[in-house]
């Protein structure tokens, strides 16, 4: 699986959890879903940063 495909899947997962967060009526569930979204976003940003740092720069 390519990194771009994995990032796309993670973004879709984040969007799904955000939708659940908006729809849920239980305050505790909303807080937990919000924490999950924050963790997933942090993971996505970290993985993207690692992927970008792994790309060799083409300095002439």
PDB file of N, CA and C in Angstrom:
ATOM      1  N   UNK A   1       0.853  -1.172   0.000  1.00  0.00           N
ATOM      2  CA  UNK A   1       0.000   0.000   0.000  1.00  0.00           C
ATOM      3  C   UNK A   1       0.901   1.238   0.000  1.00  0.00           C
ATOM      4  N   UNK A   2       0.592   2.183  -0.854  1.00  0.00           N
ATOM      5  CA  UNK A   2       1.398   3.393  -0.923  1.00  0.00           C
ATOM      6  C   UNK A   2       1.085   4.310   0.250  1.00  0.00           C
ATOM      7  N   UNK A   3       2.031   5.186   0.541  1.00  0.00           N
ATOM      8  CA  UNK A   3       1.847   6.120   1.658  1.00  0.00           C
ATOM      9  C   UNK A   3       0.661   7.039   1.399  1.00  0.00           C
ATOM     10  N   UNK A   4       0.508   7.486   0.146  1.00  0.00           N
ATOM     11  CA  UNK A   4      -0.610   8.374  -0.187  1.00  0.00           C
ATOM     12  C   UNK A   4      -1.947   7.694   0.061  1.00  0.00           C
ATOM     13  N   UNK A   5      -2.045   6.434  -0.293  1.00  0.00           N
ATOM     14  CA  UNK A   5      -3.286   5.676  -0.080  1.00  0.00           C
ATOM     15  C   UNK A   5      -3.559   5.520   1.413  1.00  0.00           C
ATOM     16  N   UNK A   6      -2.509   5.261   2.170  1.00  0.00           N
ATOM     17  CA  UNK A   6      -2.661   5.115   3.624  1.00  0.00           C
ATOM     18  C   UNK A   6      -3.106   6.438   4.241  1.00  0.00           C
ATOM     19  N   UNK A   7      -2.537   7.562   3.786  1.00  0.00           N
ATOM     20  CA  UNK A   7      -2.926   8.870   4.296  1.00  0.00           C
ATOM     21  C   UNK A   7      -4.383   9.165   3.956  1.00  0.00           C
ATOM     22  N   UNK A   8      -4.792   8.802   2.736  1.00  0.00           N
ATOM     23  CA  UNK A   8      -6.185   9.014   2.329  1.00  0.00           C
ATOM     24  C   UNK A   8      -7.133   8.222   3.226  1.00  0.00           C
ATOM     25  N   UNK A   9      -6.774   6.974   3.525  1.00  0.00           N
ATOM     26  CA  UNK A   9      -7.609   6.147   4.386  1.00  0.00           C
ATOM     27  C   UNK A   9      -7.700   6.731   5.792  1.00  0.00           C
ATOM     28  N   UNK A  10      -6.593   7.263   6.292  1.00  0.00           N
ATOM     29  CA  UNK A  10      -6.608   7.870   7.622  1.00  0.00           C
ATOM     30  C   UNK A  10      -7.476   9.124   7.634  1.00  0.00           C
ATOM     31  N   UNK A  11      -7.416   9.903   6.562  1.00  0.00           N
ATOM     32  CA  UNK A  11      -8.249  11.102   6.483  1.00  0.00           C
ATOM     33  C   UNK A  11      -9.733  10.744   6.463  1.00  0.00           C
ATOM     34  N   UNK A  12     -10.087   9.685   5.751  1.00  0.00           N
ATOM     35  CA  UNK A  12     -11.479   9.228   5.718  1.00  0.00           C
ATOM     36  C   UNK A  12     -11.915   8.772   7.106  1.00  0.00           C
ATOM     37  N   UNK A  13     -11.047   8.055   7.798  1.00  0.00           N
ATOM     38  CA  UNK A  13     -11.356   7.609   9.149  1.00  0.00           C
ATOM     39  C   UNK A  13     -11.584   8.807  10.078  1.00  0.00           C
ATOM     40  N   UNK A  14     -10.748   9.826   9.962  1.00  0.00           N
ATOM     41  CA  UNK A  14     -10.904  11.039  10.767  1.00  0.00           C
ATOM     42  C   UNK A  14     -12.242  11.697  10.467  1.00  0.00           C
ATOM     43  N   UNK A  15     -12.595  11.782   9.200  1.00  0.00           N
ATOM     44  CA  UNK A  15     -13.871  12.387   8.836  1.00  0.00           C
ATOM     45  C   UNK A  15     -15.052  11.606   9.412  1.00  0.00           C
ATOM     46  N   UNK A  16     -14.951  10.294   9.425  1.00  0.00           N
ATOM     47  CA  UNK A  16     -16.026   9.468   9.992  1.00  0.00           C
ATOM     48  C   UNK A  16     -16.182   9.719  11.488  1.00  0.00           C
ATOM     49  N   UNK A  17     -15.051   9.782  12.194  1.00  0.00           N
ATOM     50  CA  UNK A  17     -15.125  10.040  13.629  1.00  0.00           C
ATOM     51  C   UNK A  17     -15.637  11.446  13.913  1.00  0.00           C
ATOM     52  N   UNK A  18     -15.279  12.418  13.089  1.00  0.00           N
ATOM     53  CA  UNK A  18     -15.805  13.773  13.259  1.00  0.00           C
ATOM     54  C   UNK A  18     -17.322  13.787  13.084  1.00  0.00           C
ATOM     55  N   UNK A  19     -17.812  13.044  12.099  1.00  0.00           N
ATOM     56  CA  UNK A  19     -19.258  12.968  11.875  1.00  0.00           C
ATOM     57  C   UNK A  19     -19.947  12.327  13.079  1.00  0.00           C
ATOM     58  N   UNK A  20     -19.366  11.257  13.610  1.00  0.00           N
ATOM     59  CA  UNK A  20     -19.930  10.626  14.800  1.00  0.00           C
ATOM     60  C   UNK A  20     -19.930  11.591  15.982  1.00  0.00           C
ATOM     61  N   UNK A  21     -18.849  12.361  16.095  1.00  0.00           N
ATOM     62  CA  UNK A  21     -18.736  13.320  17.190  1.00  0.00           C
ATOM     63  C   UNK A  21     -19.868  14.351  17.131  1.00  0.00           C
ATOM     64  N   UNK A  22     -20.228  14.778  15.933  1.00  0.00           N
ATOM     65  CA  UNK A  22     -21.312  15.755  15.771  1.00  0.00           C
ATOM     66  C   UNK A  22     -22.683  15.136  16.044  1.00  0.00           C
ATOM     67  N   UNK A  23     -22.847  13.856  15.746  1.00  0.00           N
ATOM     68  CA  UNK A  23     -24.154  13.209  15.851  1.00  0.00           C
ATOM     69  C   UNK A  23     -24.464  12.653  17.234  1.00  0.00           C
ATOM     70  N   UNK A  24     -23.447  12.359  18.009  1.00  0.00           N
ATOM     71  CA  UNK A  24     -23.655  11.698  19.293  1.00  0.00           C
ATOM     72  C   UNK A  24     -24.328  12.656  20.278  1.00  0.00           C
ATOM     73  N   UNK A  25     -25.191  12.092  21.113  1.00  0.00           N
ATOM     74  CA  UNK A  25     -25.906  12.924  22.088  1.00  0.00           C
ATOM     75  C   UNK A  25     -25.348  12.784  23.504  1.00  0.00           C
ATOM     76  N   UNK A  26     -24.581  11.756  23.750  1.00  0.00           N
ATOM     77  CA  UNK A  26     -23.984  11.535  25.071  1.00  0.00           C
ATOM     78  C   UNK A  26     -22.732  12.408  25.206  1.00  0.00           C
ATOM     79  N   UNK A  27     -22.689  13.297  26.202  1.00  0.00           N
ATOM     80  CA  UNK A  27     -21.538  14.189  26.359  1.00  0.00           C
ATOM     81  C   UNK A  27     -20.211  13.452  26.548  1.00  0.00           C
ATOM     82  N   UNK A  28     -20.222  12.357  27.281  1.00  0.00           N
ATOM     83  CA  UNK A  28     -18.987  11.593  27.481  1.00  0.00           C
ATOM     84  C   UNK A  28     -18.509  11.002  26.163  1.00  0.00           C
ATOM     85  N   UNK A  29     -19.428  10.466  25.392  1.00  0.00           N
ATOM     86  CA  UNK A  29     -19.069   9.902  24.089  1.00  0.00           C
ATOM     87  C   UNK A  29     -18.501  10.982  23.175  1.00  0.00           C
ATOM     88  N   UNK A  30     -19.065  12.177  23.232  1.00  0.00           N
ATOM     89  CA  UNK A  30     -18.576  13.280  22.403  1.00  0.00           C
ATOM     90  C   UNK A  30     -17.141  13.639  22.774  1.00  0.00           C
ATOM     91  N   UNK A  31     -16.852  13.676  24.069  1.00  0.00           N
ATOM     92  CA  UNK A  31     -15.495  13.992  24.525  1.00  0.00           C
ATOM     93  C   UNK A  31     -14.521  12.896  24.094  1.00  0.00           C
ATOM     94  N   UNK A  32     -14.921  11.652  24.244  1.00  0.00           N
ATOM     95  CA  UNK A  32     -14.049  10.543  23.844  1.00  0.00           C
ATOM     96  C   UNK A  32     -13.793  10.554  22.339  1.00  0.00           C
ATOM     97  N   UNK A  33     -14.830  10.803  21.557  1.00  0.00           N
ATOM     98  CA  UNK A  33     -14.655  10.870  20.111  1.00  0.00           C
ATOM     99  C   UNK A  33     -13.747  12.047  19.728  1.00  0.00           C
ATOM    100  N   UNK A  34     -13.886  13.154  20.429  1.00  0.00           N
ATOM    101  CA  UNK A  34     -13.026  14.307  20.164  1.00  0.00           C
ATOM    102  C   UNK A  34     -11.558  13.950  20.427  1.00  0.00           C
ATOM    103  N   UNK A  35     -11.302  13.242  21.520  1.00  0.00           N
ATOM    104  CA  UNK A  35      -9.938  12.803  21.831  1.00  0.00           C
ATOM    105  C   UNK A  35      -9.404  11.847  20.770  1.00  0.00           C
ATOM    106  N   UNK A  36     -10.261  10.961  20.290  1.00  0.00           N
ATOM    107  CA  UNK A  36      -9.855  10.025  19.238  1.00  0.00           C
ATOM    108  C   UNK A  36      -9.469  10.797  17.981  1.00  0.00           C
ATOM    109  N   UNK A  37     -10.281  11.772  17.604  1.00  0.00           N
ATOM    110  CA  UNK A  37      -9.991  12.582  16.413  1.00  0.00           C
ATOM    111  C   UNK A  37      -8.664  13.299  16.578  1.00  0.00           C
ATOM    112  N   UNK A  38      -8.424  13.875  17.739  1.00  0.00           N
ATOM    113  CA  UNK A  38      -7.162  14.582  17.970  1.00  0.00           C
ATOM    114  C   UNK A  38      -5.973  13.634  17.859  1.00  0.00           C
ATOM    115  N   UNK A  39      -6.093  12.445  18.422  1.00  0.00           N
ATOM    116  CA  UNK A  39      -5.008  11.459  18.340  1.00  0.00           C
ATOM    117  C   UNK A  39      -4.764  11.023  16.900  1.00  0.00           C
ATOM    118  N   UNK A  40      -5.842  10.762  16.164  1.00  0.00           N
ATOM    119  CA  UNK A  40      -5.691  10.351  14.765  1.00  0.00           C
ATOM    120  C   UNK A  40      -5.051  11.455  13.926  1.00  0.00           C
ATOM    121  N   UNK A  41      -5.455  12.704  14.165  1.00  0.00           N
ATOM    122  CA  UNK A  41      -4.864  13.820  13.427  1.00  0.00           C
ATOM    123  C   UNK A  41      -3.381  13.972  13.754  1.00  0.00           C
ATOM    124  N   UNK A  42      -3.026  13.832  15.018  1.00  0.00           N
ATOM    125  CA  UNK A  42      -1.620  13.928  15.417  1.00  0.00           C
ATOM    126  C   UNK A  42      -0.805  12.815  14.762  1.00  0.00           C
ATOM    127  N   UNK A  43      -1.350  11.600  14.753  1.00  0.00           N
ATOM    128  CA  UNK A  43      -0.661  10.481  14.099  1.00  0.00           C
ATOM    129  C   UNK A  43      -0.469  10.751  12.614  1.00  0.00           C
ATOM    130  N   UNK A  44      -1.502  11.272  11.975  1.00  0.00           N
ATOM    131  CA  UNK A  44      -1.427  11.556  10.543  1.00  0.00           C
ATOM    132  C   UNK A  44      -0.357  12.608  10.256  1.00  0.00           C
ATOM    133  N   UNK A  45      -0.337  13.667  11.038  1.00  0.00           N
ATOM    134  CA  UNK A  45       0.667  14.715  10.842  1.00  0.00           C
ATOM    135  C   UNK A  45       2.078  14.174  11.070  1.00  0.00           C
ATOM    136  N   UNK A  46       2.247  13.350  12.095  1.00  0.00           N
ATOM    137  CA  UNK A  46       3.559  12.775  12.399  1.00  0.00           C
ATOM    138  C   UNK A  46       4.014  11.846  11.265  1.00  0.00           C
ATOM    139  N   UNK A  47       3.101  11.013  10.775  1.00  0.00           N
ATOM    140  CA  UNK A  47       3.462  10.085   9.702  1.00  0.00           C
ATOM    141  C   UNK A  47       3.786  10.824   8.409  1.00  0.00           C
ATOM    142  N   UNK A  48       3.039  11.893   8.122  1.00  0.00           N
ATOM    143  CA  UNK A  48       3.343  12.689   6.933  1.00  0.00           C
ATOM    144  C   UNK A  48       4.708  13.352   7.051  1.00  0.00           C
ATOM    145  N   UNK A  49       5.023  13.858   8.235  1.00  0.00           N
ATOM    146  CA  UNK A  49       6.326  14.492   8.448  1.00  0.00           C
ATOM    147  C   UNK A  49       7.451  13.472   8.267  1.00  0.00           C
ATOM    148  N   UNK A  50       7.248  12.261   8.776  1.00  0.00           N
ATOM    149  CA  UNK A  50       8.266  11.222   8.611  1.00  0.00           C
ATOM    150  C   UNK A  50       8.407  10.836   7.143  1.00  0.00           C
ATOM    151  N   UNK A  51       7.292  10.756   6.435  1.00  0.00           N
ATOM    152  CA  UNK A  51       7.340  10.398   5.015  1.00  0.00           C
ATOM    153  C   UNK A  51       8.067  11.475   4.215  1.00  0.00           C
ATOM    154  N   UNK A  52       7.816  12.729   4.551  1.00  0.00           N
ATOM    155  CA  UNK A  52       8.489  13.821   3.846  1.00  0.00           C
ATOM    156  C   UNK A  52       9.976  13.860   4.165  1.00  0.00           C
ATOM    157  N   UNK A  53      10.344  13.550   5.395  1.00  0.00           N
ATOM    158  CA  UNK A  53      11.761  13.576   5.762  1.00  0.00           C
ATOM    159  C   UNK A  53      12.510  12.394   5.137  1.00  0.00           C
ATOM    160  N   UNK A  54      11.780  11.345   4.753  1.00  0.00           N
ATOM    161  CA  UNK A  54      12.405  10.175   4.128  1.00  0.00           C
ATOM    162  C   UNK A  54      12.680  10.396   2.649  1.00  0.00           C
ATOM    163  N   UNK A  55      12.070  11.433   2.064  1.00  0.00           N
ATOM    164  CA  UNK A  55      12.286  11.729   0.652  1.00  0.00           C
ATOM    165  C   UNK A  55      13.615  12.458   0.507  1.00  0.00           C
ATOM    166  N   UNK A  56      14.538  11.883  -0.263  1.00  0.00           N
ATOM    167  CA  UNK A  56      15.835  12.551  -0.426  1.00  0.00           C
ATOM    168  C   UNK A  56      15.677  13.844  -1.205  1.00  0.00           C
ATOM    169  N   UNK A  57      16.361  14.869  -0.730  1.00  0.00           N
ATOM    170  CA  UNK A  57      16.288  16.147  -1.446  1.00  0.00           C
ATOM    171  C   UNK A  57      17.257  16.118  -2.613  1.00  0.00           C
ATOM    172  N   UNK A  58      16.864  16.786  -3.683  1.00  0.00           N
ATOM    173  CA  UNK A  58      17.717  16.798  -4.893  1.00  0.00           C
ATOM    174  C   UNK A  58      18.443  18.127  -4.968  1.00  0.00           C
ATOM    175  N   UNK A  59      19.562  18.219  -4.238  1.00  0.00           N
ATOM    176  CA  UNK A  59      20.388  19.426  -4.257  1.00  0.00           C
ATOM    177  C   UNK A  59      21.454  19.270  -5.316  1.00  0.00           C
ATOM    178  N   UNK A  60      21.628  20.309  -6.122  1.00  0.00           N
ATOM    179  CA  UNK A  60      22.610  20.239  -7.200  1.00  0.00           C
ATOM    180  C   UNK A  60      23.909  20.871  -6.782  1.00  0.00           C
TER     181      UNK A  60
END
